[in-house]
PDB file of N, CA and C in Angstrom:
ATOM      1  N   UNK A   1       0.668  -1.261   0.087  1.00  0.00           N
ATOM      2  CA  UNK A   1      -0.040  -0.008   0.243  1.00  0.00           C
ATOM      3  C   UNK A   1       0.803   0.874   0.015  1.00  0.00           C
ATOM      4  N   UNK A   2       1.957   0.980   0.727  1.00  0.00           N
ATOM      5  CA  UNK A   2       2.751   2.260   0.988  1.00  0.00           C
ATOM      6  C   UNK A   2       3.306   3.049  -0.339  1.00  0.00           C
ATOM      7  N   UNK A   3       3.078   2.018  -1.623  1.00  0.00           N
ATOM      8  CA  UNK A   3       3.680   2.698  -2.788  1.00  0.00           C
ATOM      9  C   UNK A   3       2.663   2.308  -3.613  1.00  0.00           C
ATOM     10  N   UNK A   4       1.546   2.436  -3.288  1.00  0.00           N
ATOM     11  CA  UNK A   4       0.946   2.654  -4.338  1.00  0.00           C
ATOM     12  C   UNK A   4       0.530   1.351  -5.514  1.00  0.00           C
ATOM     13  N   UNK A   5       0.814   0.279  -4.326  1.00  0.00           N
ATOM     14  CA  UNK A   5       0.688  -0.937  -6.177  1.00  0.00           C
ATOM     15  C   UNK A   5      -0.584  -1.864  -5.122  1.00  0.00           C
ATOM     16  N   UNK A   6      -1.416  -2.792  -5.401  1.00  0.00           N
ATOM     17  CA  UNK A   6      -2.649  -2.976  -5.788  1.00  0.00           C
ATOM     18  C   UNK A   6      -2.757  -4.349  -6.330  1.00  0.00           C
ATOM     19  N   UNK A   7      -2.746  -4.830  -6.326  1.00  0.00           N
ATOM     20  CA  UNK A   7      -3.580  -5.937  -6.369  1.00  0.00           C
ATOM     21  C   UNK A   7      -4.813  -5.999  -7.356  1.00  0.00           C
ATOM     22  N   UNK A   8      -4.927  -7.305  -8.807  1.00  0.00           N
ATOM     23  CA  UNK A   8      -6.275  -7.298  -9.172  1.00  0.00           C
ATOM     24  C   UNK A   8      -7.062  -8.765  -8.833  1.00  0.00           C
ATOM     25  N   UNK A   9      -7.667  -8.599  -8.458  1.00  0.00           N
ATOM     26  CA  UNK A   9      -9.103  -9.857  -8.028  1.00  0.00           C
ATOM     27  C   UNK A   9      -9.977  -9.958  -8.807  1.00  0.00           C
ATOM     28  N   UNK A  10     -10.256 -10.982  -9.553  1.00  0.00           N
ATOM     29  CA  UNK A  10     -11.367 -11.079  -9.981  1.00  0.00           C
ATOM     30  C   UNK A  10     -12.230 -11.413  -9.347  1.00  0.00           C
ATOM     31  N   UNK A  11     -13.700 -11.552  -9.420  1.00  0.00           N
ATOM     32  CA  UNK A  11     -14.951 -11.167  -9.265  1.00  0.00           C
ATOM     33  C   UNK A  11     -15.382 -12.985  -9.843  1.00  0.00           C
ATOM     34  N   UNK A  12     -15.332 -13.921  -8.383  1.00  0.00           N
ATOM     35  CA  UNK A  12     -16.259 -15.106  -8.643  1.00  0.00           C
ATOM     36  C   UNK A  12     -17.670 -15.050  -9.699  1.00  0.00           C
ATOM     37  N   UNK A  13     -17.225 -15.785 -11.348  1.00  0.00           N
ATOM     38  CA  UNK A  13     -18.596 -15.110 -11.730  1.00  0.00           C
ATOM     39  C   UNK A  13     -19.703 -16.452 -11.396  1.00  0.00           C
ATOM     40  N   UNK A  14     -20.751 -16.387 -11.055  1.00  0.00           N
ATOM     41  CA  UNK A  14     -21.887 -17.388 -10.676  1.00  0.00           C
ATOM     42  C   UNK A  14     -22.586 -18.095 -11.401  1.00  0.00           C
ATOM     43  N   UNK A  15     -22.893 -18.726 -12.035  1.00  0.00           N
ATOM     44  CA  UNK A  15     -23.950 -18.652 -12.808  1.00  0.00           C
ATOM     45  C   UNK A  15     -25.185 -19.003 -12.138  1.00  0.00           C
ATOM     46  N   UNK A  16     -26.363 -18.394 -12.572  1.00  0.00           N
ATOM     47  CA  UNK A  16     -27.462 -17.989 -11.789  1.00  0.00           C
ATOM     48  C   UNK A  16     -28.545 -19.193 -12.869  1.00  0.00           C
ATOM     49  N   UNK A  17     -29.058 -20.001 -11.941  1.00  0.00           N
ATOM     50  CA  UNK A  17     -29.962 -21.526 -12.855  1.00  0.00           C
ATOM     51  C   UNK A  17     -31.057 -21.491 -12.286  1.00  0.00           C
ATOM     52  N   UNK A  18     -31.745 -20.534 -10.910  1.00  0.00           N
ATOM     53  CA  UNK A  18     -33.083 -20.434 -10.830  1.00  0.00           C
ATOM     54  C   UNK A  18     -33.745 -19.735 -10.127  1.00  0.00           C
ATOM     55  N   UNK A  19     -34.664 -18.805 -10.956  1.00  0.00           N
ATOM     56  CA  UNK A  19     -35.357 -17.390 -10.687  1.00  0.00           C
ATOM     57  C   UNK A  19     -36.702 -18.117 -10.007  1.00  0.00           C
ATOM     58  N   UNK A  20     -37.012 -17.982  -8.990  1.00  0.00           N
ATOM     59  CA  UNK A  20     -38.328 -18.629  -8.325  1.00  0.00           C
ATOM     60  C   UNK A  20     -39.269 -17.489  -7.726  1.00  0.00           C
ATOM     61  N   UNK A  21     -39.205 -16.202  -8.082  1.00  0.00           N
ATOM     62  CA  UNK A  21     -39.780 -15.492  -8.214  1.00  0.00           C
ATOM     63  C   UNK A  21     -40.134 -15.069  -9.618  1.00  0.00           C
ATOM     64  N   UNK A  22     -41.522 -15.767  -9.342  1.00  0.00           N
ATOM     65  CA  UNK A  22     -41.975 -15.200 -10.940  1.00  0.00           C
ATOM     66  C   UNK A  22     -43.553 -16.315 -10.868  1.00  0.00           C
ATOM     67  N   UNK A  23     -44.365 -15.996 -12.249  1.00  0.00           N
ATOM     68  CA  UNK A  23     -46.198 -16.191 -11.960  1.00  0.00           C
ATOM     69  C   UNK A  23     -46.286 -17.388 -12.891  1.00  0.00           C
ATOM     70  N   UNK A  24     -44.971 -18.130 -13.049  1.00  0.00           N
ATOM     71  CA  UNK A  24     -45.225 -18.826 -14.508  1.00  0.00           C
ATOM     72  C   UNK A  24     -45.684 -20.116 -13.179  1.00  0.00           C
ATOM     73  N   UNK A  25     -46.334 -21.720 -13.952  1.00  0.00           N
ATOM     74  CA  UNK A  25     -47.328 -22.309 -13.552  1.00  0.00           C
ATOM     75  C   UNK A  25     -45.885 -23.345 -13.251  1.00  0.00           C
ATOM     76  N   UNK A  26     -45.859 -24.042 -12.252  1.00  0.00           N
ATOM     77  CA  UNK A  26     -45.414 -25.047 -11.312  1.00  0.00           C
ATOM     78  C   UNK A  26     -45.756 -26.260 -11.551  1.00  0.00           C
ATOM     79  N   UNK A  27     -44.921 -26.967 -11.905  1.00  0.00           N
ATOM     80  CA  UNK A  27     -45.556 -28.306 -12.282  1.00  0.00           C
ATOM     81  C   UNK A  27     -45.512 -29.090 -11.267  1.00  0.00           C
ATOM     82  N   UNK A  28     -46.186 -30.124 -11.313  1.00  0.00           N
ATOM     83  CA  UNK A  28     -46.889 -31.031 -10.021  1.00  0.00           C
ATOM     84  C   UNK A  28     -45.522 -32.185  -9.763  1.00  0.00           C
ATOM     85  N   UNK A  29     -45.422 -32.284  -8.547  1.00  0.00           N
ATOM     86  CA  UNK A  29     -44.422 -33.370  -8.185  1.00  0.00           C
ATOM     87  C   UNK A  29     -45.233 -34.619  -8.415  1.00  0.00           C
ATOM     88  N   UNK A  30     -44.640 -35.119  -9.474  1.00  0.00           N
ATOM     89  CA  UNK A  30     -45.434 -36.351  -9.606  1.00  0.00           C
ATOM     90  C   UNK A  30     -44.390 -37.257  -9.281  1.00  0.00           C
ATOM     91  N   UNK A  31     -43.268 -37.634  -9.022  1.00  0.00           N
ATOM     92  CA  UNK A  31     -42.523 -38.388  -8.306  1.00  0.00           C
ATOM     93  C   UNK A  31     -42.423 -39.065  -6.558  1.00  0.00           C
ATOM     94  N   UNK A  32     -43.377 -37.733  -6.118  1.00  0.00           N
ATOM     95  CA  UNK A  32     -43.345 -37.803  -5.025  1.00  0.00           C
ATOM     96  C   UNK A  32     -42.344 -38.436  -3.684  1.00  0.00           C
ATOM     97  N   UNK A  33     -40.694 -38.386  -3.597  1.00  0.00           N
ATOM     98  CA  UNK A  33     -39.703 -38.519  -3.085  1.00  0.00           C
ATOM     99  C   UNK A  33     -39.862 -40.439  -3.666  1.00  0.00           C
ATOM    100  N   UNK A  34     -40.798 -40.636  -4.439  1.00  0.00           N
ATOM    101  CA  UNK A  34     -40.735 -42.684  -4.944  1.00  0.00           C
ATOM    102  C   UNK A  34     -39.344 -43.013  -5.756  1.00  0.00           C
ATOM    103  N   UNK A  35     -38.559 -43.011  -5.533  1.00  0.00           N
ATOM    104  CA  UNK A  35     -37.242 -43.178  -6.480  1.00  0.00           C
ATOM    105  C   UNK A  35     -37.171 -44.754  -6.690  1.00  0.00           C
ATOM    106  N   UNK A  36     -37.887 -45.334  -6.466  1.00  0.00           N
ATOM    107  CA  UNK A  36     -37.921 -46.160  -6.869  1.00  0.00           C
ATOM    108  C   UNK A  36     -39.526 -47.432  -7.752  1.00  0.00           C
ATOM    109  N   UNK A  37     -39.080 -46.432  -8.945  1.00  0.00           N
ATOM    110  CA  UNK A  37     -40.469 -46.775 -10.016  1.00  0.00           C
ATOM    111  C   UNK A  37     -40.162 -48.535  -9.952  1.00  0.00           C
ATOM    112  N   UNK A  38     -41.426 -48.709 -11.036  1.00  0.00           N
ATOM    113  CA  UNK A  38     -41.947 -50.191 -10.555  1.00  0.00           C
ATOM    114  C   UNK A  38     -41.795 -50.811 -12.581  1.00  0.00           C
ATOM    115  N   UNK A  39     -41.064 -49.793 -13.179  1.00  0.00           N
ATOM    116  CA  UNK A  39     -41.130 -49.990 -14.708  1.00  0.00           C
ATOM    117  C   UNK A  39     -39.807 -48.667 -15.054  1.00  0.00           C
ATOM    118  N   UNK A  40     -38.931 -49.107 -16.181  1.00  0.00           N
ATOM    119  CA  UNK A  40     -38.247 -48.648 -17.223  1.00  0.00           C
ATOM    120  C   UNK A  40     -39.220 -46.924 -17.604  1.00  0.00           C
ATOM    121  N   UNK A  41     -38.486 -45.938 -17.409  1.00  0.00           N
ATOM    122  CA  UNK A  41     -39.509 -44.643 -18.518  1.00  0.00           C
ATOM    123  C   UNK A  41     -39.716 -44.380 -17.618  1.00  0.00           C
ATOM    124  N   UNK A  42     -40.224 -45.023 -16.638  1.00  0.00           N
ATOM    125  CA  UNK A  42     -41.434 -44.087 -15.658  1.00  0.00           C
ATOM    126  C   UNK A  42     -40.882 -42.949 -15.029  1.00  0.00           C
ATOM    127  N   UNK A  43     -39.345 -43.072 -14.050  1.00  0.00           N
ATOM    128  CA  UNK A  43     -39.221 -41.739 -13.636  1.00  0.00           C
ATOM    129  C   UNK A  43     -37.881 -41.583 -14.356  1.00  0.00           C
ATOM    130  N   UNK A  44     -37.435 -40.501 -14.460  1.00  0.00           N
ATOM    131  CA  UNK A  44     -36.172 -39.572 -15.130  1.00  0.00           C
ATOM    132  C   UNK A  44     -35.853 -38.835 -14.294  1.00  0.00           C
ATOM    133  N   UNK A  45     -34.230 -38.772 -14.490  1.00  0.00           N
ATOM    134  CA  UNK A  45     -33.897 -36.896 -13.045  1.00  0.00           C
ATOM    135  C   UNK A  45     -32.584 -36.823 -14.091  1.00  0.00           C
ATOM    136  N   UNK A  46     -32.172 -35.774 -13.882  1.00  0.00           N
ATOM    137  CA  UNK A  46     -31.369 -34.926 -15.286  1.00  0.00           C
ATOM    138  C   UNK A  46     -30.700 -34.088 -14.578  1.00  0.00           C
ATOM    139  N   UNK A  47     -29.650 -34.021 -14.877  1.00  0.00           N
ATOM    140  CA  UNK A  47     -28.994 -32.770 -13.947  1.00  0.00           C
ATOM    141  C   UNK A  47     -27.846 -31.399 -15.461  1.00  0.00           C
ATOM    142  N   UNK A  48     -28.188 -30.229 -15.073  1.00  0.00           N
ATOM    143  CA  UNK A  48     -27.441 -29.464 -15.932  1.00  0.00           C
ATOM    144  C   UNK A  48     -25.762 -28.944 -15.067  1.00  0.00           C
ATOM    145  N   UNK A  49     -24.568 -29.321 -15.625  1.00  0.00           N
ATOM    146  CA  UNK A  49     -23.651 -28.613 -15.317  1.00  0.00           C
ATOM    147  C   UNK A  49     -23.159 -27.383 -16.342  1.00  0.00           C
ATOM    148  N   UNK A  50     -22.606 -26.688 -15.430  1.00  0.00           N
ATOM    149  CA  UNK A  50     -22.040 -25.220 -16.746  1.00  0.00           C
ATOM    150  C   UNK A  50     -20.537 -25.676 -16.802  1.00  0.00           C
ATOM    151  N   UNK A  51     -19.963 -25.818 -18.225  1.00  0.00           N
ATOM    152  CA  UNK A  51     -18.123 -25.265 -18.101  1.00  0.00           C
ATOM    153  C   UNK A  51     -18.124 -24.114 -19.041  1.00  0.00           C
ATOM    154  N   UNK A  52     -17.236 -23.365 -18.427  1.00  0.00           N
ATOM    155  CA  UNK A  52     -16.461 -22.824 -18.903  1.00  0.00           C
ATOM    156  C   UNK A  52     -15.394 -23.040 -19.706  1.00  0.00           C
ATOM    157  N   UNK A  53     -15.645 -23.430 -20.767  1.00  0.00           N
ATOM    158  CA  UNK A  53     -13.808 -23.133 -21.485  1.00  0.00           C
ATOM    159  C   UNK A  53     -13.804 -21.674 -22.224  1.00  0.00           C
ATOM    160  N   UNK A  54     -12.555 -21.796 -23.392  1.00  0.00           N
ATOM    161  CA  UNK A  54     -12.086 -21.049 -23.711  1.00  0.00           C
ATOM    162  C   UNK A  54     -12.639 -20.518 -24.957  1.00  0.00           C
ATOM    163  N   UNK A  55     -13.771 -21.633 -25.259  1.00  0.00           N
ATOM    164  CA  UNK A  55     -14.337 -21.250 -26.227  1.00  0.00           C
ATOM    165  C   UNK A  55     -15.865 -19.981 -25.837  1.00  0.00           C
ATOM    166  N   UNK A  56     -16.425 -20.339 -24.686  1.00  0.00           N
ATOM    167  CA  UNK A  56     -17.116 -20.248 -23.757  1.00  0.00           C
ATOM    168  C   UNK A  56     -18.341 -21.185 -23.035  1.00  0.00           C
ATOM    169  N   UNK A  57     -19.118 -20.874 -22.294  1.00  0.00           N
ATOM    170  CA  UNK A  57     -19.754 -21.539 -22.063  1.00  0.00           C
ATOM    171  C   UNK A  57     -20.300 -23.229 -22.112  1.00  0.00           C
ATOM    172  N   UNK A  58     -19.611 -23.962 -21.618  1.00  0.00           N
ATOM    173  CA  UNK A  58     -20.476 -25.492 -22.535  1.00  0.00           C
ATOM    174  C   UNK A  58     -21.776 -25.445 -21.106  1.00  0.00           C
ATOM    175  N   UNK A  59     -22.668 -26.550 -22.039  1.00  0.00           N
ATOM    176  CA  UNK A  59     -23.470 -27.017 -21.316  1.00  0.00           C
ATOM    177  C   UNK A  59     -23.529 -28.820 -20.994  1.00  0.00           C
ATOM    178  N   UNK A  60     -23.390 -29.155 -19.749  1.00  0.00           N
ATOM    179  CA  UNK A  60     -23.480 -31.152 -19.513  1.00  0.00           C
ATOM    180  C   UNK A  60     -24.176 -31.273 -19.450  1.00  0.00           C
ATOM    181  N   UNK A  61     -25.463 -32.258 -19.596  1.00  0.00           N
ATOM    182  CA  UNK A  61     -26.383 -32.307 -19.232  1.00  0.00           C
ATOM    183  C   UNK A  61     -26.671 -33.770 -18.675  1.00  0.00           C
ATOM    184  N   UNK A  62     -26.897 -34.703 -18.025  1.00  0.00           N
ATOM    185  CA  UNK A  62     -27.241 -36.021 -17.739  1.00  0.00           C
ATOM    186  C   UNK A  62     -28.951 -36.340 -17.510  1.00  0.00           C
ATOM    187  N   UNK A  63     -28.646 -37.336 -18.487  1.00  0.00           N
ATOM    188  CA  UNK A  63     -30.176 -37.927 -17.472  1.00  0.00           C
ATOM    189  C   UNK A  63     -30.168 -39.499 -17.148  1.00  0.00           C
ATOM    190  N   UNK A  64     -30.562 -39.573 -16.276  1.00  0.00           N
ATOM    191  CA  UNK A  64     -30.551 -40.846 -15.632  1.00  0.00           C
ATOM    192  C   UNK A  64     -32.561 -42.087 -15.470  1.00  0.00           C
ATOM    193  N   UNK A  65     -31.683 -43.007 -16.243  1.00  0.00           N
ATOM    194  CA  UNK A  65     -33.504 -43.507 -15.736  1.00  0.00           C
ATOM    195  C   UNK A  65     -33.452 -43.726 -14.362  1.00  0.00           C
ATOM    196  N   UNK A  66     -34.321 -43.864 -13.459  1.00  0.00           N
ATOM    197  CA  UNK A  66     -34.486 -44.404 -11.481  1.00  0.00           C
ATOM    198  C   UNK A  66     -35.028 -44.990 -11.974  1.00  0.00           C
ATOM    199  N   UNK A  67     -34.091 -46.914 -12.475  1.00  0.00           N
ATOM    200  CA  UNK A  67     -34.902 -48.047 -12.364  1.00  0.00           C
ATOM    201  C   UNK A  67     -33.709 -48.938 -11.588  1.00  0.00           C
ATOM    202  N   UNK A  68     -33.231 -48.962 -12.100  1.00  0.00           N
ATOM    203  CA  UNK A  68     -31.448 -49.508 -11.684  1.00  0.00           C
ATOM    204  C   UNK A  68     -30.856 -48.776 -10.171  1.00  0.00           C
ATOM    205  N   UNK A  69     -30.709 -49.583  -9.203  1.00  0.00           N
ATOM    206  CA  UNK A  69     -29.819 -49.554  -7.778  1.00  0.00           C
ATOM    207  C   UNK A  69     -28.616 -49.131  -7.801  1.00  0.00           C
ATOM    208  N   UNK A  70     -28.156 -49.624  -8.802  1.00  0.00           N
ATOM    209  CA  UNK A  70     -26.352 -49.126  -8.890  1.00  0.00           C
ATOM    210  C   UNK A  70     -26.070 -48.692  -9.927  1.00  0.00           C
ATOM    211  N   UNK A  71     -24.888 -48.085  -9.699  1.00  0.00           N
ATOM    212  CA  UNK A  71     -24.281 -47.204 -10.732  1.00  0.00           C
ATOM    213  C   UNK A  71     -23.718 -47.954 -11.803  1.00  0.00           C
ATOM    214  N   UNK A  72     -23.985 -47.947 -13.523  1.00  0.00           N
ATOM    215  CA  UNK A  72     -23.634 -48.678 -14.403  1.00  0.00           C
ATOM    216  C   UNK A  72     -23.048 -48.059 -15.100  1.00  0.00           C
ATOM    217  N   UNK A  73     -21.458 -48.592 -15.678  1.00  0.00           N
ATOM    218  CA  UNK A  73     -20.408 -48.293 -15.938  1.00  0.00           C
ATOM    219  C   UNK A  73     -20.329 -48.748 -17.139  1.00  0.00           C
ATOM    220  N   UNK A  74     -20.091 -48.290 -18.484  1.00  0.00           N
ATOM    221  CA  UNK A  74     -20.475 -49.338 -20.144  1.00  0.00           C
ATOM    222  C   UNK A  74     -19.131 -48.633 -20.478  1.00  0.00           C
ATOM    223  N   UNK A  75     -17.615 -49.873 -20.727  1.00  0.00           N
ATOM    224  CA  UNK A  75     -15.964 -49.284 -21.224  1.00  0.00           C
ATOM    225  C   UNK A  75     -16.701 -49.229 -22.494  1.00  0.00           C
TER     226      UNK A  75
END
């Protein structure tokens, strides 16, 4: 400080993914925390991850069918 030197600190960028302050229709909770459906395609879950690259933001989406109890890996 005494020599007038300051560091440059970049603010962290936070992606805003949810805006709950709206008047849009809200979907019904059809799953009702029953994570063990009786057949495939009865319940799917998904997630979106944002990845920052030199070219800009990329969006990685995963979709999981909620029938299997264990994680499956395919080589």
